[in-house]
Amino acid sequence: MKEPRRMKTIAERARESCLTRLLEILTQLISVE
């Protein structure tokens, strides 16, 4: 059954955004090397 979604807090969204940015940096770093 579908359970109601829990809304993410601003802090959780900020951490996800930061993780995404760090992932992009690591991808670019590997490409540069």
PDB file of all heavy atoms in Angstrom:
ATOM      1  N   MET A   1       0.860  -1.190   0.000  1.00  0.00           N
ATOM      2  CA  MET A   1       0.000   0.000   0.000  1.00  0.00           C
ATOM      3  C   MET A   1       0.885   1.225   0.000  1.00  0.00           C
ATOM      4  O   MET A   1       1.996   1.217   0.517  1.00  0.00           O
ATOM      5  CB  MET A   1      -0.881   0.027   1.260  1.00  0.00           C
ATOM      6  CG  MET A   1      -1.969  -1.014   1.247  1.00  0.00           C
ATOM      7  SD  MET A   1      -3.020  -0.887   2.692  1.00  0.00           S
ATOM      8  CE  MET A   1      -3.493   0.814   2.677  1.00  0.00           C
ATOM      9  N   LYS A   2       0.378   2.271  -0.558  1.00  0.00           N
ATOM     10  CA  LYS A   2       1.100   3.539  -0.531  1.00  0.00           C
ATOM     11  C   LYS A   2       0.997   4.127   0.871  1.00  0.00           C
ATOM     12  O   LYS A   2      -0.077   4.248   1.425  1.00  0.00           O
ATOM     13  CB  LYS A   2       0.506   4.529  -1.526  1.00  0.00           C
ATOM     14  CG  LYS A   2       0.703   4.155  -2.964  1.00  0.00           C
ATOM     15  CD  LYS A   2       2.056   4.568  -3.399  1.00  0.00           C
ATOM     16  CE  LYS A   2       2.208   4.302  -4.896  1.00  0.00           C
ATOM     17  NZ  LYS A   2       3.504   4.598  -5.369  1.00  0.00           N
ATOM     18  N   GLU A   3       2.175   4.440   1.421  1.00  0.00           N
ATOM     19  CA  GLU A   3       2.202   5.146   2.701  1.00  0.00           C
ATOM     20  C   GLU A   3       2.406   6.616   2.384  1.00  0.00           C
ATOM     21  O   GLU A   3       3.004   6.960   1.369  1.00  0.00           O
ATOM     22  CB  GLU A   3       3.362   4.628   3.553  1.00  0.00           C
ATOM     23  CG  GLU A   3       3.191   3.181   3.960  1.00  0.00           C
ATOM     24  CD  GLU A   3       4.396   2.659   4.724  1.00  0.00           C
ATOM     25  OE1 GLU A   3       5.331   3.442   4.975  1.00  0.00           O
ATOM     26  OE2 GLU A   3       4.403   1.484   5.065  1.00  0.00           O
ATOM     27  N   PRO A   4       1.910   7.479   3.243  1.00  0.00           N
ATOM     28  CA  PRO A   4       2.100   8.906   2.961  1.00  0.00           C
ATOM     29  C   PRO A   4       3.586   9.264   2.972  1.00  0.00           C
ATOM     30  O   PRO A   4       4.349   8.749   3.766  1.00  0.00           O
ATOM     31  CB  PRO A   4       1.356   9.601   4.103  1.00  0.00           C
ATOM     32  CG  PRO A   4       1.125   8.563   5.137  1.00  0.00           C
ATOM     33  CD  PRO A   4       1.194   7.238   4.474  1.00  0.00           C
ATOM     34  N   ARG A   5       3.960  10.096   2.023  1.00  0.00           N
ATOM     35  CA  ARG A   5       5.349  10.547   1.960  1.00  0.00           C
ATOM     36  C   ARG A   5       5.640  11.492   3.108  1.00  0.00           C
ATOM     37  O   ARG A   5       4.840  12.351   3.442  1.00  0.00           O
ATOM     38  CB  ARG A   5       5.611  11.302   0.670  1.00  0.00           C
ATOM     39  CG  ARG A   5       5.798  10.438  -0.496  1.00  0.00           C
ATOM     40  CD  ARG A   5       6.299  11.291  -1.634  1.00  0.00           C
ATOM     41  NE  ARG A   5       6.142  10.567  -2.876  1.00  0.00           N
ATOM     42  CZ  ARG A   5       6.401  11.078  -4.048  1.00  0.00           C
ATOM     43  NH1 ARG A   5       6.784  12.318  -4.139  1.00  0.00           N
ATOM     44  NH2 ARG A   5       6.247  10.364  -5.122  1.00  0.00           N
ATOM     45  N   ARG A   6       6.831  11.330   3.630  1.00  0.00           N
ATOM     46  CA  ARG A   6       7.290  12.246   4.663  1.00  0.00           C
ATOM     47  C   ARG A   6       8.023  13.378   3.951  1.00  0.00           C
ATOM     48  O   ARG A   6       8.864  13.149   3.097  1.00  0.00           O
ATOM     49  CB  ARG A   6       8.249  11.532   5.615  1.00  0.00           C
ATOM     50  CG  ARG A   6       8.748  12.420   6.736  1.00  0.00           C
ATOM     51  CD  ARG A   6       9.761  11.705   7.594  1.00  0.00           C
ATOM     52  NE  ARG A   6      11.041  11.517   6.943  1.00  0.00           N
ATOM     53  CZ  ARG A   6      11.987  12.456   6.850  1.00  0.00           C
ATOM     54  NH1 ARG A   6      11.788  13.651   7.342  1.00  0.00           N
ATOM     55  NH2 ARG A   6      13.135  12.191   6.261  1.00  0.00           N
ATOM     56  N   MET A   7       7.641  14.585   4.267  1.00  0.00           N
ATOM     57  CA  MET A   7       8.287  15.740   3.655  1.00  0.00           C
ATOM     58  C   MET A   7       9.707  15.863   4.198  1.00  0.00           C
ATOM     59  O   MET A   7       9.947  15.666   5.378  1.00  0.00           O
ATOM     60  CB  MET A   7       7.512  17.021   3.970  1.00  0.00           C
ATOM     61  CG  MET A   7       6.111  17.045   3.370  1.00  0.00           C
ATOM     62  SD  MET A   7       6.117  17.011   1.583  1.00  0.00           S
ATOM     63  CE  MET A   7       6.777  18.603   1.241  1.00  0.00           C
ATOM     64  N   LYS A   8      10.642  16.173   3.309  1.00  0.00           N
ATOM     65  CA  LYS A   8      12.032  16.346   3.711  1.00  0.00           C
ATOM     66  C   LYS A   8      12.206  17.720   4.353  1.00  0.00           C
ATOM     67  O   LYS A   8      11.597  18.699   3.924  1.00  0.00           O
ATOM     68  CB  LYS A   8      12.955  16.230   2.516  1.00  0.00           C
ATOM     69  CG  LYS A   8      13.002  14.842   1.950  1.00  0.00           C
ATOM     70  CD  LYS A   8      13.958  14.781   0.792  1.00  0.00           C
ATOM     71  CE  LYS A   8      13.955  13.397   0.201  1.00  0.00           C
ATOM     72  NZ  LYS A   8      14.881  13.286  -0.909  1.00  0.00           N
ATOM     73  N   THR A   9      13.049  17.755   5.356  1.00  0.00           N
ATOM     74  CA  THR A   9      13.344  19.034   5.989  1.00  0.00           C
ATOM     75  C   THR A   9      14.306  19.814   5.096  1.00  0.00           C
ATOM     76  O   THR A   9      14.918  19.262   4.172  1.00  0.00           O
ATOM     77  CB  THR A   9      13.994  18.824   7.373  1.00  0.00           C
ATOM     78  OG1 THR A   9      15.268  18.179   7.195  1.00  0.00           O
ATOM     79  CG2 THR A   9      13.102  17.985   8.278  1.00  0.00           C
ATOM     80  N   ILE A  10      14.436  21.073   5.392  1.00  0.00           N
ATOM     81  CA  ILE A  10      15.362  21.919   4.635  1.00  0.00           C
ATOM     82  C   ILE A  10      16.783  21.402   4.797  1.00  0.00           C
ATOM     83  O   ILE A  10      17.557  21.365   3.838  1.00  0.00           O
ATOM     84  CB  ILE A  10      15.239  23.390   5.090  1.00  0.00           C
ATOM     85  CG1 ILE A  10      13.871  23.930   4.701  1.00  0.00           C
ATOM     86  CG2 ILE A  10      16.358  24.230   4.501  1.00  0.00           C
ATOM     87  CD1 ILE A  10      13.562  25.308   5.235  1.00  0.00           C
ATOM     88  N   ALA A  11      17.121  20.949   5.993  1.00  0.00           N
ATOM     89  CA  ALA A  11      18.462  20.420   6.246  1.00  0.00           C
ATOM     90  C   ALA A  11      18.725  19.165   5.415  1.00  0.00           C
ATOM     91  O   ALA A  11      19.818  18.987   4.867  1.00  0.00           O
ATOM     92  CB  ALA A  11      18.643  20.120   7.728  1.00  0.00           C
ATOM     93  N   GLU A  12      17.738  18.287   5.301  1.00  0.00           N
ATOM     94  CA  GLU A  12      17.895  17.070   4.497  1.00  0.00           C
ATOM     95  C   GLU A  12      18.076  17.418   3.024  1.00  0.00           C
ATOM     96  O   GLU A  12      18.916  16.831   2.329  1.00  0.00           O
ATOM     97  CB  GLU A  12      16.683  16.152   4.671  1.00  0.00           C
ATOM     98  CG  GLU A  12      16.625  15.477   6.024  1.00  0.00           C
ATOM     99  CD  GLU A  12      15.311  14.750   6.261  1.00  0.00           C
ATOM    100  OE1 GLU A  12      14.266  15.179   5.740  1.00  0.00           O
ATOM    101  OE2 GLU A  12      15.347  13.743   6.989  1.00  0.00           O
ATOM    102  N   ARG A  13      17.310  18.371   2.552  1.00  0.00           N
ATOM    103  CA  ARG A  13      17.452  18.801   1.159  1.00  0.00           C
ATOM    104  C   ARG A  13      18.819  19.427   0.913  1.00  0.00           C
ATOM    105  O   ARG A  13      19.432  19.211  -0.135  1.00  0.00           O
ATOM    106  CB  ARG A  13      16.358  19.795   0.791  1.00  0.00           C
ATOM    107  CG  ARG A  13      14.999  19.156   0.662  1.00  0.00           C
ATOM    108  CD  ARG A  13      13.976  20.160   0.252  1.00  0.00           C
ATOM    109  NE  ARG A  13      12.653  19.570   0.228  1.00  0.00           N
ATOM    110  CZ  ARG A  13      11.578  20.216  -0.103  1.00  0.00           C
ATOM    111  NH1 ARG A  13      11.650  21.481  -0.466  1.00  0.00           N
ATOM    112  NH2 ARG A  13      10.411  19.615  -0.089  1.00  0.00           N
ATOM    113  N   ALA A  14      19.292  20.200   1.876  1.00  0.00           N
ATOM    114  CA  ALA A  14      20.606  20.830   1.742  1.00  0.00           C
ATOM    115  C   ALA A  14      21.712  19.769   1.712  1.00  0.00           C
ATOM    116  O   ALA A  14      22.644  19.867   0.908  1.00  0.00           O
ATOM    117  CB  ALA A  14      20.849  21.802   2.895  1.00  0.00           C
ATOM    118  N   ARG A  15      21.596  18.743   2.566  1.00  0.00           N
ATOM    119  CA  ARG A  15      22.587  17.663   2.562  1.00  0.00           C
ATOM    120  C   ARG A  15      22.557  16.903   1.240  1.00  0.00           C
ATOM    121  O   ARG A  15      23.603  16.562   0.694  1.00  0.00           O
ATOM    122  CB  ARG A  15      22.371  16.716   3.740  1.00  0.00           C
ATOM    123  CG  ARG A  15      22.895  17.256   5.058  1.00  0.00           C
ATOM    124  CD  ARG A  15      22.897  16.201   6.146  1.00  0.00           C
ATOM    125  NE  ARG A  15      21.567  15.819   6.555  1.00  0.00           N
ATOM    126  CZ  ARG A  15      20.873  16.420   7.520  1.00  0.00           C
ATOM    127  NH1 ARG A  15      21.395  17.424   8.179  1.00  0.00           N
ATOM    128  NH2 ARG A  15      19.660  15.998   7.835  1.00  0.00           N
ATOM    129  N   GLU A  16      21.365  16.639   0.705  1.00  0.00           N
ATOM    130  CA  GLU A  16      21.261  15.962  -0.591  1.00  0.00           C
ATOM    131  C   GLU A  16      21.898  16.799  -1.699  1.00  0.00           C
ATOM    132  O   GLU A  16      22.598  16.283  -2.560  1.00  0.00           O
ATOM    133  CB  GLU A  16      19.801  15.681  -0.935  1.00  0.00           C
ATOM    134  CG  GLU A  16      19.218  14.496  -0.227  1.00  0.00           C
ATOM    135  CD  GLU A  16      17.771  14.224  -0.641  1.00  0.00           C
ATOM    136  OE1 GLU A  16      17.288  14.838  -1.622  1.00  0.00           O
ATOM    137  OE2 GLU A  16      17.135  13.396   0.022  1.00  0.00           O
ATOM    138  N   SER A  17      21.645  18.095  -1.673  1.00  0.00           N
ATOM    139  CA  SER A  17      22.214  18.993  -2.671  1.00  0.00           C
ATOM    140  C   SER A  17      23.743  19.007  -2.566  1.00  0.00           C
ATOM    141  O   SER A  17      24.448  18.974  -3.584  1.00  0.00           O
ATOM    142  CB  SER A  17      21.659  20.397  -2.472  1.00  0.00           C
ATOM    143  OG  SER A  17      22.287  21.306  -3.326  1.00  0.00           O
ATOM    144  N   CYS A  18      24.244  19.032  -1.356  1.00  0.00           N
ATOM    145  CA  CYS A  18      25.685  19.043  -1.133  1.00  0.00           C
ATOM    146  C   CYS A  18      26.303  17.724  -1.613  1.00  0.00           C
ATOM    147  O   CYS A  18      27.350  17.725  -2.266  1.00  0.00           O
ATOM    148  CB  CYS A  18      25.963  19.262   0.349  1.00  0.00           C
ATOM    149  SG  CYS A  18      27.707  19.440   0.715  1.00  0.00           S
ATOM    150  N   LEU A  19      25.659  16.609  -1.309  1.00  0.00           N
ATOM    151  CA  LEU A  19      26.153  15.310  -1.759  1.00  0.00           C
ATOM    152  C   LEU A  19      26.181  15.257  -3.291  1.00  0.00           C
ATOM    153  O   LEU A  19      27.151  14.778  -3.886  1.00  0.00           O
ATOM    154  CB  LEU A  19      25.292  14.175  -1.201  1.00  0.00           C
ATOM    155  CG  LEU A  19      25.690  12.761  -1.618  1.00  0.00           C
ATOM    156  CD1 LEU A  19      27.107  12.444  -1.159  1.00  0.00           C
ATOM    157  CD2 LEU A  19      24.700  11.750  -1.068  1.00  0.00           C
ATOM    158  N   THR A  20      25.152  15.781  -3.925  1.00  0.00           N
ATOM    159  CA  THR A  20      25.106  15.815  -5.387  1.00  0.00           C
ATOM    160  C   THR A  20      26.269  16.637  -5.939  1.00  0.00           C
ATOM    161  O   THR A  20      26.930  16.233  -6.900  1.00  0.00           O
ATOM    162  CB  THR A  20      23.764  16.395  -5.867  1.00  0.00           C
ATOM    163  OG1 THR A  20      22.713  15.553  -5.390  1.00  0.00           O
ATOM    164  CG2 THR A  20      23.694  16.506  -7.375  1.00  0.00           C
ATOM    165  N   ARG A  21      26.527  17.781  -5.328  1.00  0.00           N
ATOM    166  CA  ARG A  21      27.627  18.641  -5.785  1.00  0.00           C
ATOM    167  C   ARG A  21      28.974  17.939  -5.607  1.00  0.00           C
ATOM    168  O   ARG A  21      29.836  17.999  -6.486  1.00  0.00           O
ATOM    169  CB  ARG A  21      27.600  19.977  -5.025  1.00  0.00           C
ATOM    170  CG  ARG A  21      28.644  20.934  -5.494  1.00  0.00           C
ATOM    171  CD  ARG A  21      28.408  21.363  -6.948  1.00  0.00           C
ATOM    172  NE  ARG A  21      29.597  21.986  -7.464  1.00  0.00           N
ATOM    173  CZ  ARG A  21      30.244  21.596  -8.564  1.00  0.00           C
ATOM    174  NH1 ARG A  21      29.764  20.634  -9.298  1.00  0.00           N
ATOM    175  NH2 ARG A  21      31.323  22.196  -8.946  1.00  0.00           N
ATOM    176  N   LEU A  22      29.166  17.260  -4.472  1.00  0.00           N
ATOM    177  CA  LEU A  22      30.422  16.549  -4.231  1.00  0.00           C
ATOM    178  C   LEU A  22      30.584  15.380  -5.212  1.00  0.00           C
ATOM    179  O   LEU A  22      31.703  15.079  -5.640  1.00  0.00           O
ATOM    180  CB  LEU A  22      30.504  16.075  -2.784  1.00  0.00           C
ATOM    181  CG  LEU A  22      30.649  17.199  -1.747  1.00  0.00           C
ATOM    182  CD1 LEU A  22      30.544  16.648  -0.331  1.00  0.00           C
ATOM    183  CD2 LEU A  22      31.950  17.960  -1.939  1.00  0.00           C
ATOM    184  N   LEU A  23      29.479  14.756  -5.573  1.00  0.00           N
ATOM    185  CA  LEU A  23      29.514  13.699  -6.592  1.00  0.00           C
ATOM    186  C   LEU A  23      29.976  14.270  -7.931  1.00  0.00           C
ATOM    187  O   LEU A  23      30.788  13.653  -8.632  1.00  0.00           O
ATOM    188  CB  LEU A  23      28.116  13.110  -6.760  1.00  0.00           C
ATOM    189  CG  LEU A  23      27.828  11.785  -6.086  1.00  0.00           C
ATOM    190  CD1 LEU A  23      26.340  11.527  -6.060  1.00  0.00           C
ATOM    191  CD2 LEU A  23      28.553  10.668  -6.738  1.00  0.00           C
ATOM    192  N   GLU A  24      29.454  15.425  -8.297  1.00  0.00           N
ATOM    193  CA  GLU A  24      29.855  16.074  -9.548  1.00  0.00           C
ATOM    194  C   GLU A  24      31.340  16.413  -9.530  1.00  0.00           C
ATOM    195  O   GLU A  24      32.041  16.224 -10.525  1.00  0.00           O
ATOM    196  CB  GLU A  24      29.040  17.347  -9.776  1.00  0.00           C
ATOM    197  CG  GLU A  24      27.580  17.100 -10.072  1.00  0.00           C
ATOM    198  CD  GLU A  24      26.745  18.376 -10.034  1.00  0.00           C
ATOM    199  OE1 GLU A  24      27.296  19.478  -9.776  1.00  0.00           O
ATOM    200  OE2 GLU A  24      25.529  18.274 -10.258  1.00  0.00           O
ATOM    201  N   ILE A  25      31.819  16.903  -8.398  1.00  0.00           N
ATOM    202  CA  ILE A  25      33.237  17.258  -8.275  1.00  0.00           C
ATOM    203  C   ILE A  25      34.112  16.022  -8.421  1.00  0.00           C
ATOM    204  O   ILE A  25      35.114  16.037  -9.138  1.00  0.00           O
ATOM    205  CB  ILE A  25      33.505  17.982  -6.932  1.00  0.00           C
ATOM    206  CG1 ILE A  25      32.890  19.381  -6.970  1.00  0.00           C
ATOM    207  CG2 ILE A  25      34.996  18.050  -6.629  1.00  0.00           C
ATOM    208  CD1 ILE A  25      32.897  20.108  -5.635  1.00  0.00           C
ATOM    209  N   LEU A  26      33.737  14.930  -7.764  1.00  0.00           N
ATOM    210  CA  LEU A  26      34.513  13.697  -7.866  1.00  0.00           C
ATOM    211  C   LEU A  26      34.517  13.174  -9.304  1.00  0.00           C
ATOM    212  O   LEU A  26      35.548  12.736  -9.813  1.00  0.00           O
ATOM    213  CB  LEU A  26      33.981  12.638  -6.900  1.00  0.00           C
ATOM    214  CG  LEU A  26      34.690  11.280  -6.901  1.00  0.00           C
ATOM    215  CD1 LEU A  26      36.202  11.434  -6.673  1.00  0.00           C
ATOM    216  CD2 LEU A  26      34.078  10.364  -5.852  1.00  0.00           C
ATOM    217  N   THR A  27      33.372  13.250  -9.969  1.00  0.00           N
ATOM    218  CA  THR A  27      33.298  12.816 -11.368  1.00  0.00           C
ATOM    219  C   THR A  27      34.233  13.647 -12.233  1.00  0.00           C
ATOM    220  O   THR A  27      34.977  13.111 -13.063  1.00  0.00           O
ATOM    221  CB  THR A  27      31.846  12.934 -11.880  1.00  0.00           C
ATOM    222  OG1 THR A  27      30.989  12.138 -11.058  1.00  0.00           O
ATOM    223  CG2 THR A  27      31.731  12.498 -13.330  1.00  0.00           C
ATOM    224  N   GLN A  28      34.221  14.956 -12.040  1.00  0.00           N
ATOM    225  CA  GLN A  28      35.097  15.840 -12.814  1.00  0.00           C
ATOM    226  C   GLN A  28      36.565  15.594 -12.481  1.00  0.00           C
ATOM    227  O   GLN A  28      37.421  15.615 -13.378  1.00  0.00           O
ATOM    228  CB  GLN A  28      34.740  17.298 -12.553  1.00  0.00           C
ATOM    229  CG  GLN A  28      33.392  17.702 -13.108  1.00  0.00           C
ATOM    230  CD  GLN A  28      32.972  19.093 -12.666  1.00  0.00           C
ATOM    231  OE1 GLN A  28      33.781  19.869 -12.162  1.00  0.00           O
ATOM    232  NE2 GLN A  28      31.702  19.417 -12.849  1.00  0.00           N
ATOM    233  N   LEU A  29      36.856  15.336 -11.216  1.00  0.00           N
ATOM    234  CA  LEU A  29      38.223  15.074 -10.785  1.00  0.00           C
ATOM    235  C   LEU A  29      38.773  13.819 -11.466  1.00  0.00           C
ATOM    236  O   LEU A  29      39.892  13.822 -11.989  1.00  0.00           O
ATOM    237  CB  LEU A  29      38.263  14.916  -9.261  1.00  0.00           C
ATOM    238  CG  LEU A  29      39.605  14.542  -8.644  1.00  0.00           C
ATOM    239  CD1 LEU A  29      40.635  15.620  -8.897  1.00  0.00           C
ATOM    240  CD2 LEU A  29      39.435  14.310  -7.150  1.00  0.00           C
ATOM    241  N   ILE A  30      37.979  12.765 -11.485  1.00  0.00           N
ATOM    242  CA  ILE A  30      38.396  11.526 -12.148  1.00  0.00           C
ATOM    243  C   ILE A  30      38.633  11.775 -13.635  1.00  0.00           C
ATOM    244  O   ILE A  30      39.615  11.309 -14.207  1.00  0.00           O
ATOM    245  CB  ILE A  30      37.356  10.409 -11.913  1.00  0.00           C
ATOM    246  CG1 ILE A  30      37.376   9.984 -10.443  1.00  0.00           C
ATOM    247  CG2 ILE A  30      37.620   9.216 -12.821  1.00  0.00           C
ATOM    248  CD1 ILE A  30      36.239   9.064 -10.046  1.00  0.00           C
ATOM    249  N   SER A  31      37.752  12.555 -14.251  1.00  0.00           N
ATOM    250  CA  SER A  31      37.893  12.875 -15.672  1.00  0.00           C
ATOM    251  C   SER A  31      39.187  13.650 -15.936  1.00  0.00           C
ATOM    252  O   SER A  31      39.907  13.357 -16.901  1.00  0.00           O
ATOM    253  CB  SER A  31      36.690  13.688 -16.135  1.00  0.00           C
ATOM    254  OG  SER A  31      36.861  14.135 -17.440  1.00  0.00           O
ATOM    255  N   VAL A  32      39.493  14.613 -15.092  1.00  0.00           N
ATOM    256  CA  VAL A  32      40.715  15.405 -15.244  1.00  0.00           C
ATOM    257  C   VAL A  32      41.947  14.501 -15.145  1.00  0.00           C
ATOM    258  O   VAL A  32      42.874  14.586 -15.958  1.00  0.00           O
ATOM    259  CB  VAL A  32      40.781  16.528 -14.180  1.00  0.00           C
ATOM    260  CG1 VAL A  32      42.158  17.158 -14.119  1.00  0.00           C
ATOM    261  CG2 VAL A  32      39.721  17.581 -14.446  1.00  0.00           C
ATOM    262  N   GLU A  33      41.950  13.626 -14.150  1.00  0.00           N
ATOM    263  CA  GLU A  33      43.096  12.731 -13.968  1.00  0.00           C
ATOM    264  C   GLU A  33      43.257  11.777 -15.142  1.00  0.00           C
ATOM    265  O   GLU A  33      44.371  11.557 -15.623  1.00  0.00           O
ATOM    266  CB  GLU A  33      42.934  11.927 -12.678  1.00  0.00           C
ATOM    267  CG  GLU A  33      43.077  12.770 -11.433  1.00  0.00           C
ATOM    268  CD  GLU A  33      42.885  11.938 -10.187  1.00  0.00           C
ATOM    269  OE1 GLU A  33      43.774  11.130  -9.882  1.00  0.00           O
ATOM    270  OE2 GLU A  33      41.840  12.090  -9.533  1.00  0.00           O
TER     271      GLU A  33
END
